[in-house]
Amino acid sequence: MKFGKVATDELDGLNLDLPPDAPETTALLSTFEKPDKPQVYVGCAKWGRKEWVGQIYPKGTKDKDFLQHYINHFNGIELNATFYGMKRSSVESWAEKVDGAEDFKFCPKFSQRISHHKRLNDAEELTDYYLDAMGSLGQYLGSCFLQMPENFAAKRFENLQNYIEYLPNDAPVNLELRHTEWFTDESVANETFALLQENNIGTVITDVAGRRDCLHQRLTNNTAFIRFNGYDLHESDYKRLDDWADRIKIWLESGLKTVYFFVHQEDETHSPLTAEYMVKQLNAKCNLNLKAPGFLPPEE
């Protein structure tokens, strides 16, 4: 993931501490009733990783069987494939492949035709098709996430408002904004987050070393959606994951219902290990029982 990436040798000079929650987040959390069982999902961005054959996928696993093996190791996926194409038949086939999974969620990305090509303008028909197609995931649909391009600036607020207000009230959606004005201009940030909260749209919190403004710590509904970008198991990755486990513990104890935590690494070979570490931290600190990736023994 190139967005906000810095060179590894720059990491030691950066403050990568997790900032405090926005006051509005604390206020929102205080209105929630603690659920009997919070829903926490940890996963990666793709299942089709040949690097994982022999690591978590059995030797000889064919591409068409990757998803069925993925669900043996993770309970969620940040589904980027839908950014490039959103055929209903493909989505239906994915749902069939995970049929019977006890607790698994897809979090499909909105099509680039909506976010990057149309830039939310005249995108109603595409949006209706997208939401209908993703609905075919049934019980396996988590939260969809809408990622806007980095050059989608705050002057487009009206476009964003019109689109957000068009979305159905029951559509599970989290929004990722990237242009710095959405976070650094206080009045813009307040108006934007208020819009999301009023329409029950969640935020995406992006943790990447070179863009700490996107680590806004602002929740707008009862779902946290976190995209963690690591540095191939650099020591700072573990410190950041520890901080996240501590923060998620606070949120869950305050009544947060759902957490999606998805890991990215420049070299995706390291993503299962990153997810395993996070799962173990969450299980230990939050008294959860999440599944962790199971690694195959090394060949002798």
C-alpha atoms as a PDB file:
ATOM      1  CA  MET A   1       0.000   0.000   0.000  1.00  0.00           C
ATOM      2  CA  LYS A   2       1.733   3.184  -1.226  1.00  0.00           C
ATOM      3  CA  PHE A   3      -0.521   5.762   0.465  1.00  0.00           C
ATOM      4  CA  GLY A   4       1.371   7.455   3.296  1.00  0.00           C
ATOM      5  CA  LYS A   5       4.322   5.117   3.014  1.00  0.00           C
ATOM      6  CA  VAL A   6       7.754   6.229   4.231  1.00  0.00           C
ATOM      7  CA  ALA A   7      11.140   4.567   3.933  1.00  0.00           C
ATOM      8  CA  THR A   8      11.836   2.042   6.677  1.00  0.00           C
ATOM      9  CA  ASP A   9      14.916   3.958   7.823  1.00  0.00           C
ATOM     10  CA  GLU A  10      12.691   6.960   8.574  1.00  0.00           C
ATOM     11  CA  LEU A  11      10.486   5.110  11.063  1.00  0.00           C
ATOM     12  CA  ASP A  12      12.697   5.644  14.104  1.00  0.00           C
ATOM     13  CA  GLY A  13      12.410   9.406  13.675  1.00  0.00           C
ATOM     14  CA  LEU A  14       8.617   9.449  13.603  1.00  0.00           C
ATOM     15  CA  ASN A  15       6.112   9.626  16.431  1.00  0.00           C
ATOM     16  CA  LEU A  16       3.940   6.587  15.752  1.00  0.00           C
ATOM     17  CA  ASP A  17       2.040   6.689  19.046  1.00  0.00           C
ATOM     18  CA  LEU A  18      -1.699   6.247  18.803  1.00  0.00           C
ATOM     19  CA  PRO A  19      -3.292   9.654  19.481  1.00  0.00           C
ATOM     20  CA  PRO A  20      -6.035  10.070  22.080  1.00  0.00           C
ATOM     21  CA  ASP A  21      -9.631   9.634  21.062  1.00  0.00           C
ATOM     22  CA  ALA A  22     -11.464  12.638  19.709  1.00  0.00           C
ATOM     23  CA  PRO A  23     -13.759  14.064  22.446  1.00  0.00           C
ATOM     24  CA  GLU A  24     -16.754  13.271  20.235  1.00  0.00           C
ATOM     25  CA  THR A  25     -15.727   9.613  20.190  1.00  0.00           C
ATOM     26  CA  THR A  26     -15.700   9.493  23.975  1.00  0.00           C
ATOM     27  CA  ALA A  27     -19.096  11.169  24.083  1.00  0.00           C
ATOM     28  CA  LEU A  28     -20.551   8.750  21.526  1.00  0.00           C
ATOM     29  CA  LEU A  29     -19.203   5.690  23.314  1.00  0.00           C
ATOM     30  CA  SER A  30     -20.872   6.844  26.509  1.00  0.00           C
ATOM     31  CA  THR A  31     -24.270   6.438  24.838  1.00  0.00           C
ATOM     32  CA  PHE A  32     -23.801   2.762  23.965  1.00  0.00           C
ATOM     33  CA  GLU A  33     -24.946  -0.207  25.996  1.00  0.00           C
ATOM     34  CA  LYS A  34     -22.273  -2.851  26.276  1.00  0.00           C
ATOM     35  CA  PRO A  35     -23.215  -5.809  24.046  1.00  0.00           C
ATOM     36  CA  ASP A  36     -23.280  -9.324  25.454  1.00  0.00           C
ATOM     37  CA  LYS A  37     -20.765 -10.383  22.822  1.00  0.00           C
ATOM     38  CA  PRO A  38     -18.833  -7.822  20.763  1.00  0.00           C
ATOM     39  CA  GLN A  39     -18.091  -8.733  17.164  1.00  0.00           C
ATOM     40  CA  VAL A  40     -14.381  -8.476  16.340  1.00  0.00           C
ATOM     41  CA  TYR A  41     -12.942  -9.417  12.967  1.00  0.00           C
ATOM     42  CA  VAL A  42      -9.273  -9.547  11.969  1.00  0.00           C
ATOM     43  CA  GLY A  43      -8.043 -10.317   8.506  1.00  0.00           C
ATOM     44  CA  CYS A  44      -6.142  -9.283   5.395  1.00  0.00           C
ATOM     45  CA  ALA A  45      -7.024  -7.503   2.153  1.00  0.00           C
ATOM     46  CA  LYS A  46      -6.908 -10.468  -0.254  1.00  0.00           C
ATOM     47  CA  TRP A  47      -7.124 -14.236  -0.080  1.00  0.00           C
ATOM     48  CA  GLY A  48      -5.388 -14.941  -3.399  1.00  0.00           C
ATOM     49  CA  ARG A  49      -1.803 -14.832  -2.174  1.00  0.00           C
ATOM     50  CA  LYS A  50       0.489 -17.436  -3.682  1.00  0.00           C
ATOM     51  CA  GLU A  51       3.073 -16.511  -1.016  1.00  0.00           C
ATOM     52  CA  TRP A  52       0.859 -18.197   1.567  1.00  0.00           C
ATOM     53  CA  VAL A  53       1.021 -21.610  -0.119  1.00  0.00           C
ATOM     54  CA  GLY A  54       3.222 -23.669   2.169  1.00  0.00           C
ATOM     55  CA  GLN A  55       2.847 -21.026   4.904  1.00  0.00           C
ATOM     56  CA  ILE A  56      -0.851 -21.278   5.810  1.00  0.00           C
ATOM     57  CA  TYR A  57      -2.264 -22.845   2.644  1.00  0.00           C
ATOM     58  CA  PRO A  58      -1.310 -26.487   2.040  1.00  0.00           C
ATOM     59  CA  LYS A  59       1.292 -27.213  -0.605  1.00  0.00           C
ATOM     60  CA  GLY A  60      -0.330 -27.634  -3.989  1.00  0.00           C
ATOM     61  CA  THR A  61      -3.364 -25.454  -3.206  1.00  0.00           C
ATOM     62  CA  LYS A  62      -4.897 -24.153  -6.433  1.00  0.00           C
ATOM     63  CA  ASP A  63      -5.945 -20.558  -6.899  1.00  0.00           C
ATOM     64  CA  LYS A  64      -9.637 -21.469  -7.019  1.00  0.00           C
ATOM     65  CA  ASP A  65      -9.375 -22.992  -3.539  1.00  0.00           C
ATOM     66  CA  PHE A  66      -7.597 -20.095  -1.815  1.00  0.00           C
ATOM     67  CA  LEU A  67     -10.786 -18.595  -0.318  1.00  0.00           C
ATOM     68  CA  GLN A  68     -11.886 -21.893   1.189  1.00  0.00           C
ATOM     69  CA  HIS A  69      -8.520 -22.154   2.917  1.00  0.00           C
ATOM     70  CA  TYR A  70      -8.479 -18.472   3.906  1.00  0.00           C
ATOM     71  CA  ILE A  71     -11.589 -18.885   6.061  1.00  0.00           C
ATOM     72  CA  ASN A  72      -9.792 -21.558   8.093  1.00  0.00           C
ATOM     73  CA  HIS A  73      -7.397 -18.887   9.350  1.00  0.00           C
ATOM     74  CA  PHE A  74      -9.270 -15.564   9.470  1.00  0.00           C
ATOM     75  CA  ASN A  75     -12.798 -14.464  10.341  1.00  0.00           C
ATOM     76  CA  GLY A  76     -12.884 -11.454   8.027  1.00  0.00           C
ATOM     77  CA  ILE A  77     -11.469  -9.929   4.881  1.00  0.00           C
ATOM     78  CA  GLU A  78     -11.144  -6.406   3.561  1.00  0.00           C
ATOM     79  CA  LEU A  79     -12.337  -7.242   0.070  1.00  0.00           C
ATOM     80  CA  ASN A  80     -10.470  -5.044  -2.410  1.00  0.00           C
ATOM     81  CA  ALA A  81     -11.447  -7.132  -5.449  1.00  0.00           C
ATOM     82  CA  THR A  82     -14.802  -5.338  -5.646  1.00  0.00           C
ATOM     83  CA  PHE A  83     -12.976  -2.044  -6.255  1.00  0.00           C
ATOM     84  CA  TYR A  84     -12.005  -3.323  -9.700  1.00  0.00           C
ATOM     85  CA  GLY A  85     -15.158  -5.271 -10.557  1.00  0.00           C
ATOM     86  CA  MET A  86     -18.537  -5.911  -8.962  1.00  0.00           C
ATOM     87  CA  LYS A  87     -20.230  -8.710 -10.875  1.00  0.00           C
ATOM     88  CA  ARG A  88     -23.061 -10.171  -8.847  1.00  0.00           C
ATOM     89  CA  SER A  89     -22.202 -13.672 -10.078  1.00  0.00           C
ATOM     90  CA  SER A  90     -18.693 -13.398  -8.584  1.00  0.00           C
ATOM     91  CA  VAL A  91     -20.065 -12.211  -5.259  1.00  0.00           C
ATOM     92  CA  GLU A  92     -22.563 -15.076  -5.189  1.00  0.00           C
ATOM     93  CA  SER A  93     -19.771 -17.576  -5.839  1.00  0.00           C
ATOM     94  CA  TRP A  94     -17.777 -16.203  -2.893  1.00  0.00           C
ATOM     95  CA  ALA A  95     -20.773 -16.570  -0.621  1.00  0.00           C
ATOM     96  CA  GLU A  96     -21.159 -20.192  -1.748  1.00  0.00           C
ATOM     97  CA  LYS A  97     -17.505 -20.926  -0.999  1.00  0.00           C
ATOM     98  CA  VAL A  98     -17.776 -19.744   2.601  1.00  0.00           C
ATOM     99  CA  ASP A  99     -21.177 -21.330   3.183  1.00  0.00           C
ATOM    100  CA  GLY A 100     -21.121 -23.027   6.553  1.00  0.00           C
ATOM    101  CA  ALA A 101     -18.451 -20.784   8.038  1.00  0.00           C
ATOM    102  CA  GLU A 102     -19.487 -20.127  11.617  1.00  0.00           C
ATOM    103  CA  ASP A 103     -18.628 -16.435  11.763  1.00  0.00           C
ATOM    104  CA  PHE A 104     -17.036 -14.811   8.724  1.00  0.00           C
ATOM    105  CA  LYS A 105     -17.487 -11.359   7.206  1.00  0.00           C
ATOM    106  CA  PHE A 106     -16.602  -9.795   3.877  1.00  0.00           C
ATOM    107  CA  CYS A 107     -16.001  -6.028   3.914  1.00  0.00           C
ATOM    108  CA  PRO A 108     -16.190  -5.149   0.214  1.00  0.00           C
ATOM    109  CA  LYS A 109     -14.723  -1.949  -1.149  1.00  0.00           C
ATOM    110  CA  PHE A 110     -16.964   0.285  -3.246  1.00  0.00           C
ATOM    111  CA  SER A 111     -16.310   0.159  -6.970  1.00  0.00           C
ATOM    112  CA  GLN A 112     -13.763   2.621  -8.322  1.00  0.00           C
ATOM    113  CA  ARG A 113     -16.381   3.579 -10.909  1.00  0.00           C
ATOM    114  CA  ILE A 114     -18.332   5.184  -8.050  1.00  0.00           C
ATOM    115  CA  SER A 115     -15.525   6.681  -5.994  1.00  0.00           C
ATOM    116  CA  HIS A 116     -12.705   7.454  -8.419  1.00  0.00           C
ATOM    117  CA  HIS A 117     -14.335   7.749 -11.858  1.00  0.00           C
ATOM    118  CA  LYS A 118     -17.711   9.276 -11.020  1.00  0.00           C
ATOM    119  CA  ARG A 119     -16.386  10.837  -7.809  1.00  0.00           C
ATOM    120  CA  LEU A 120     -19.890  10.299  -6.349  1.00  0.00           C
ATOM    121  CA  ASN A 121     -21.585  12.326  -9.102  1.00  0.00           C
ATOM    122  CA  ASP A 122     -24.495  10.702 -10.954  1.00  0.00           C
ATOM    123  CA  ALA A 123     -23.554   7.402  -9.338  1.00  0.00           C
ATOM    124  CA  GLU A 124     -26.995   6.347  -8.102  1.00  0.00           C
ATOM    125  CA  GLU A 125     -27.494   3.534 -10.611  1.00  0.00           C
ATOM    126  CA  LEU A 126     -24.009   2.134 -10.022  1.00  0.00           C
ATOM    127  CA  THR A 127     -24.513   2.397  -6.276  1.00  0.00           C
ATOM    128  CA  ASP A 128     -27.825   0.557  -6.411  1.00  0.00           C
ATOM    129  CA  TYR A 129     -26.199  -2.249  -8.400  1.00  0.00           C
ATOM    130  CA  TYR A 130     -23.208  -2.391  -6.055  1.00  0.00           C
ATOM    131  CA  LEU A 131     -25.320  -2.587  -2.902  1.00  0.00           C
ATOM    132  CA  ASP A 132     -27.627  -5.167  -4.462  1.00  0.00           C
ATOM    133  CA  ALA A 133     -24.670  -7.308  -5.529  1.00  0.00           C
ATOM    134  CA  MET A 134     -23.006  -7.085  -2.118  1.00  0.00           C
ATOM    135  CA  GLY A 135     -26.325  -7.961  -0.496  1.00  0.00           C
ATOM    136  CA  SER A 136     -26.031 -11.398  -2.073  1.00  0.00           C
ATOM    137  CA  LEU A 137     -23.350 -12.122   0.537  1.00  0.00           C
ATOM    138  CA  GLY A 138     -26.208 -12.428   3.006  1.00  0.00           C
ATOM    139  CA  GLN A 139     -25.067 -13.215   6.540  1.00  0.00           C
ATOM    140  CA  TYR A 140     -21.451 -12.943   5.415  1.00  0.00           C
ATOM    141  CA  LEU A 141     -21.675  -9.232   4.593  1.00  0.00           C
ATOM    142  CA  GLY A 142     -19.868  -7.075   7.116  1.00  0.00           C
ATOM    143  CA  SER A 143     -19.443  -3.370   6.386  1.00  0.00           C
ATOM    144  CA  CYS A 144     -18.829  -2.022   2.896  1.00  0.00           C
ATOM    145  CA  PHE A 145     -16.188   0.678   2.742  1.00  0.00           C
ATOM    146  CA  LEU A 146     -16.064   3.686   0.477  1.00  0.00           C
ATOM    147  CA  GLN A 147     -12.548   4.962  -0.142  1.00  0.00           C
ATOM    148  CA  MET A 148     -12.265   8.361  -1.785  1.00  0.00           C
ATOM    149  CA  PRO A 149      -9.147   9.311  -3.754  1.00  0.00           C
ATOM    150  CA  GLU A 150      -6.492  11.469  -2.166  1.00  0.00           C
ATOM    151  CA  ASN A 151      -7.352  14.417  -4.435  1.00  0.00           C
ATOM    152  CA  PHE A 152     -11.015  14.411  -3.379  1.00  0.00           C
ATOM    153  CA  ALA A 153     -10.779  17.599  -1.322  1.00  0.00           C
ATOM    154  CA  ALA A 154     -13.084  19.288   1.176  1.00  0.00           C
ATOM    155  CA  LYS A 155     -14.463  21.617  -1.503  1.00  0.00           C
ATOM    156  CA  ARG A 156     -16.416  18.527  -2.592  1.00  0.00           C
ATOM    157  CA  PHE A 157     -18.342  18.438   0.680  1.00  0.00           C
ATOM    158  CA  GLU A 158     -21.686  18.994  -1.037  1.00  0.00           C
ATOM    159  CA  ASN A 159     -21.027  16.065  -3.373  1.00  0.00           C
ATOM    160  CA  LEU A 160     -20.211  13.909  -0.378  1.00  0.00           C
ATOM    161  CA  GLN A 161     -23.269  15.081   1.544  1.00  0.00           C
ATOM    162  CA  ASN A 162     -25.625  14.372  -1.344  1.00  0.00           C
ATOM    163  CA  TYR A 163     -24.181  10.914  -1.794  1.00  0.00           C
ATOM    164  CA  ILE A 164     -24.224  10.029   1.904  1.00  0.00           C
ATOM    165  CA  GLU A 165     -27.851  11.129   2.151  1.00  0.00           C
ATOM    166  CA  TYR A 166     -28.710   8.999  -0.881  1.00  0.00           C
ATOM    167  CA  LEU A 167     -27.423   5.799   0.712  1.00  0.00           C
ATOM    168  CA  PRO A 168     -30.103   3.598   2.315  1.00  0.00           C
ATOM    169  CA  ASN A 169     -30.341   3.961   6.081  1.00  0.00           C
ATOM    170  CA  ASP A 170     -29.731   0.256   6.599  1.00  0.00           C
ATOM    171  CA  ALA A 171     -26.657   0.004   4.333  1.00  0.00           C
ATOM    172  CA  PRO A 172     -23.584  -0.849   6.446  1.00  0.00           C
ATOM    173  CA  VAL A 173     -20.972   1.610   5.169  1.00  0.00           C
ATOM    174  CA  ASN A 174     -17.694   3.052   6.451  1.00  0.00           C
ATOM    175  CA  LEU A 175     -16.033   6.012   4.723  1.00  0.00           C
ATOM    176  CA  GLU A 176     -12.308   6.544   4.156  1.00  0.00           C
ATOM    177  CA  LEU A 177     -11.258  10.097   3.297  1.00  0.00           C
ATOM    178  CA  ARG A 178      -7.670  10.862   2.367  1.00  0.00           C
ATOM    179  CA  HIS A 179      -7.231  14.523   1.456  1.00  0.00           C
ATOM    180  CA  THR A 180      -5.658  16.280   4.417  1.00  0.00           C
ATOM    181  CA  GLU A 181      -8.286  19.071   4.539  1.00  0.00           C
ATOM    182  CA  TRP A 182     -10.923  16.674   5.862  1.00  0.00           C
ATOM    183  CA  PHE A 183      -8.847  16.355   9.055  1.00  0.00           C
ATOM    184  CA  THR A 184      -6.705  19.487   9.403  1.00  0.00           C
ATOM    185  CA  ASP A 185      -9.495  22.033   8.884  1.00  0.00           C
ATOM    186  CA  GLU A 186     -11.400  21.824  12.172  1.00  0.00           C
ATOM    187  CA  SER A 187     -14.681  23.221  10.848  1.00  0.00           C
ATOM    188  CA  VAL A 188     -14.622  20.868   7.862  1.00  0.00           C
ATOM    189  CA  ALA A 189     -13.816  17.898  10.101  1.00  0.00           C
ATOM    190  CA  ASN A 190     -16.617  18.705  12.528  1.00  0.00           C
ATOM    191  CA  GLU A 191     -19.176  19.155   9.758  1.00  0.00           C
ATOM    192  CA  THR A 192     -18.096  15.986   7.975  1.00  0.00           C
ATOM    193  CA  PHE A 193     -18.079  13.728  11.003  1.00  0.00           C
ATOM    194  CA  ALA A 194     -21.430  15.146  12.117  1.00  0.00           C
ATOM    195  CA  LEU A 195     -22.854  14.313   8.692  1.00  0.00           C
ATOM    196  CA  LEU A 196     -21.640  10.734   9.018  1.00  0.00           C
ATOM    197  CA  GLN A 197     -22.980  10.324  12.534  1.00  0.00           C
ATOM    198  CA  GLU A 198     -26.388  11.715  11.567  1.00  0.00           C
ATOM    199  CA  ASN A 199     -26.618   9.177   8.732  1.00  0.00           C
ATOM    200  CA  ASN A 200     -25.192   6.192  10.656  1.00  0.00           C
ATOM    201  CA  ILE A 201     -22.140   5.991   8.393  1.00  0.00           C
ATOM    202  CA  GLY A 202     -18.961   4.796  10.078  1.00  0.00           C
ATOM    203  CA  THR A 203     -15.462   6.085   9.552  1.00  0.00           C
ATOM    204  CA  VAL A 204     -12.365   4.295   8.374  1.00  0.00           C
ATOM    205  CA  ILE A 205      -9.285   4.920  10.517  1.00  0.00           C
ATOM    206  CA  THR A 206      -6.124   4.493   8.466  1.00  0.00           C
ATOM    207  CA  ASP A 207      -2.929   3.816  10.380  1.00  0.00           C
ATOM    208  CA  VAL A 208      -0.007   4.521   8.053  1.00  0.00           C
ATOM    209  CA  ALA A 209       3.291   6.072   9.121  1.00  0.00           C
ATOM    210  CA  GLY A 210       3.386   8.953   6.651  1.00  0.00           C
ATOM    211  CA  ARG A 211      -0.149  10.288   7.136  1.00  0.00           C
ATOM    212  CA  ARG A 212      -0.883  10.534  10.838  1.00  0.00           C
ATOM    213  CA  ASP A 213      -3.733  12.977  10.181  1.00  0.00           C
ATOM    214  CA  CYS A 214      -5.771  10.013   8.890  1.00  0.00           C
ATOM    215  CA  LEU A 215      -5.427   8.474  12.339  1.00  0.00           C
ATOM    216  CA  HIS A 216      -8.256  10.717  13.464  1.00  0.00           C
ATOM    217  CA  GLN A 217      -9.687   8.425  16.187  1.00  0.00           C
ATOM    218  CA  ARG A 218     -13.193   9.593  15.422  1.00  0.00           C
ATOM    219  CA  LEU A 219     -16.021   7.068  15.592  1.00  0.00           C
ATOM    220  CA  THR A 220     -19.431   8.031  14.220  1.00  0.00           C
ATOM    221  CA  ASN A 221     -21.441   4.888  14.929  1.00  0.00           C
ATOM    222  CA  ASN A 222     -21.101   1.566  16.726  1.00  0.00           C
ATOM    223  CA  THR A 223     -18.523   0.164  14.303  1.00  0.00           C
ATOM    224  CA  ALA A 224     -14.762   0.730  14.172  1.00  0.00           C
ATOM    225  CA  PHE A 225     -13.046  -0.002  10.855  1.00  0.00           C
ATOM    226  CA  ILE A 226      -9.245   0.086  11.042  1.00  0.00           C
ATOM    227  CA  ARG A 227      -6.775  -0.356   8.194  1.00  0.00           C
ATOM    228  CA  PHE A 228      -3.308  -1.033   9.596  1.00  0.00           C
ATOM    229  CA  ASN A 229      -0.292  -0.622   7.330  1.00  0.00           C
ATOM    230  CA  GLY A 230       2.873  -2.246   8.603  1.00  0.00           C
ATOM    231  CA  TYR A 231       6.526  -2.260   7.622  1.00  0.00           C
ATOM    232  CA  ASP A 232       7.267  -5.950   7.094  1.00  0.00           C
ATOM    233  CA  LEU A 233       7.473  -6.791  10.804  1.00  0.00           C
ATOM    234  CA  HIS A 234       9.622  -3.811  11.738  1.00  0.00           C
ATOM    235  CA  GLU A 235       9.750  -3.488  15.526  1.00  0.00           C
ATOM    236  CA  SER A 236       7.470  -0.444  15.324  1.00  0.00           C
ATOM    237  CA  ASP A 237       4.713  -2.664  13.897  1.00  0.00           C
ATOM    238  CA  TYR A 238       4.459  -4.542  17.176  1.00  0.00           C
ATOM    239  CA  LYS A 239       4.368  -1.384  19.289  1.00  0.00           C
ATOM    240  CA  ARG A 240       1.593   0.031  17.123  1.00  0.00           C
ATOM    241  CA  LEU A 241      -0.382  -3.222  17.287  1.00  0.00           C
ATOM    242  CA  ASP A 242      -0.005  -3.258  21.083  1.00  0.00           C
ATOM    243  CA  ASP A 243      -1.395   0.268  21.235  1.00  0.00           C
ATOM    244  CA  TRP A 244      -4.331  -0.731  19.064  1.00  0.00           C
ATOM    245  CA  ALA A 245      -5.163  -3.729  21.232  1.00  0.00           C
ATOM    246  CA  ASP A 246      -5.191  -1.450  24.291  1.00  0.00           C
ATOM    247  CA  ARG A 247      -7.432   1.093  22.572  1.00  0.00           C
ATOM    248  CA  ILE A 248      -9.854  -1.496  21.253  1.00  0.00           C
ATOM    249  CA  LYS A 249     -10.120  -2.899  24.770  1.00  0.00           C
ATOM    250  CA  ILE A 250     -11.234   0.529  26.001  1.00  0.00           C
ATOM    251  CA  TRP A 251     -13.735   0.851  23.175  1.00  0.00           C
ATOM    252  CA  LEU A 252     -15.226  -2.582  23.754  1.00  0.00           C
ATOM    253  CA  GLU A 253     -15.508  -1.975  27.493  1.00  0.00           C
ATOM    254  CA  SER A 254     -17.264   1.309  26.667  1.00  0.00           C
ATOM    255  CA  GLY A 255     -19.894  -0.489  24.595  1.00  0.00           C
ATOM    256  CA  LEU A 256     -18.555  -0.592  21.046  1.00  0.00           C
ATOM    257  CA  LYS A 257     -20.338  -3.369  19.182  1.00  0.00           C
ATOM    258  CA  THR A 258     -18.205  -4.193  16.134  1.00  0.00           C
ATOM    259  CA  VAL A 259     -14.524  -3.922  15.186  1.00  0.00           C
ATOM    260  CA  TYR A 260     -12.961  -4.675  11.817  1.00  0.00           C
ATOM    261  CA  PHE A 261      -9.158  -4.707  11.863  1.00  0.00           C
ATOM    262  CA  PHE A 262      -7.398  -5.393   8.581  1.00  0.00           C
ATOM    263  CA  VAL A 263      -3.640  -5.672   8.144  1.00  0.00           C
ATOM    264  CA  HIS A 264      -1.569  -4.649   5.146  1.00  0.00           C
ATOM    265  CA  GLN A 265       2.120  -5.217   4.533  1.00  0.00           C
ATOM    266  CA  GLU A 266       4.291  -4.141   1.612  1.00  0.00           C
ATOM    267  CA  ASP A 267       5.354  -7.773   1.357  1.00  0.00           C
ATOM    268  CA  GLU A 268       2.111  -9.685   1.920  1.00  0.00           C
ATOM    269  CA  THR A 269       4.119 -12.732   2.990  1.00  0.00           C
ATOM    270  CA  HIS A 270       4.169 -11.050   6.401  1.00  0.00           C
ATOM    271  CA  SER A 271       0.446 -10.339   6.691  1.00  0.00           C
ATOM    272  CA  PRO A 272      -0.548 -13.657   8.336  1.00  0.00           C
ATOM    273  CA  LEU A 273       2.123 -13.181  11.013  1.00  0.00           C
ATOM    274  CA  THR A 274       0.914  -9.617  11.589  1.00  0.00           C
ATOM    275  CA  ALA A 275      -2.666 -10.793  11.947  1.00  0.00           C
ATOM    276  CA  GLU A 276      -1.619 -13.641  14.247  1.00  0.00           C
ATOM    277  CA  TYR A 277       0.121 -11.198  16.583  1.00  0.00           C
ATOM    278  CA  MET A 278      -2.905  -8.904  16.671  1.00  0.00           C
ATOM    279  CA  VAL A 279      -5.321 -11.769  17.317  1.00  0.00           C
ATOM    280  CA  LYS A 280      -3.237 -12.990  20.248  1.00  0.00           C
ATOM    281  CA  GLN A 281      -3.081  -9.488  21.720  1.00  0.00           C
ATOM    282  CA  LEU A 282      -6.828  -8.991  21.404  1.00  0.00           C
ATOM    283  CA  ASN A 283      -7.587 -12.403  22.866  1.00  0.00           C
ATOM    284  CA  ALA A 284      -5.346 -11.738  25.851  1.00  0.00           C
ATOM    285  CA  LYS A 285      -6.381  -8.152  26.549  1.00  0.00           C
ATOM    286  CA  CYS A 286     -10.050  -8.231  25.574  1.00  0.00           C
ATOM    287  CA  ASN A 287     -10.937 -11.729  26.730  1.00  0.00           C
ATOM    288  CA  LEU A 288     -11.854 -12.809  23.213  1.00  0.00           C
ATOM    289  CA  ASN A 289     -11.571 -16.133  21.458  1.00  0.00           C
ATOM    290  CA  LEU A 290     -10.635 -15.110  17.922  1.00  0.00           C
ATOM    291  CA  LYS A 291      -9.141 -17.627  15.554  1.00  0.00           C
ATOM    292  CA  ALA A 292      -5.477 -17.107  14.738  1.00  0.00           C
ATOM    293  CA  PRO A 293      -3.757 -18.178  11.517  1.00  0.00           C
ATOM    294  CA  GLY A 294      -2.375 -21.694  11.705  1.00  0.00           C
ATOM    295  CA  PHE A 295       1.066 -22.009  10.201  1.00  0.00           C
ATOM    296  CA  LEU A 296       2.347 -25.140   8.535  1.00  0.00           C
ATOM    297  CA  PRO A 297       5.564 -26.698   9.856  1.00  0.00           C
ATOM    298  CA  PRO A 298       8.642 -25.733   7.809  1.00  0.00           C
ATOM    299  CA  GLU A 299       9.914 -28.298   5.383  1.00  0.00           C
ATOM    300  CA  GLU A 300      12.992 -30.151   6.504  1.00  0.00           C
END
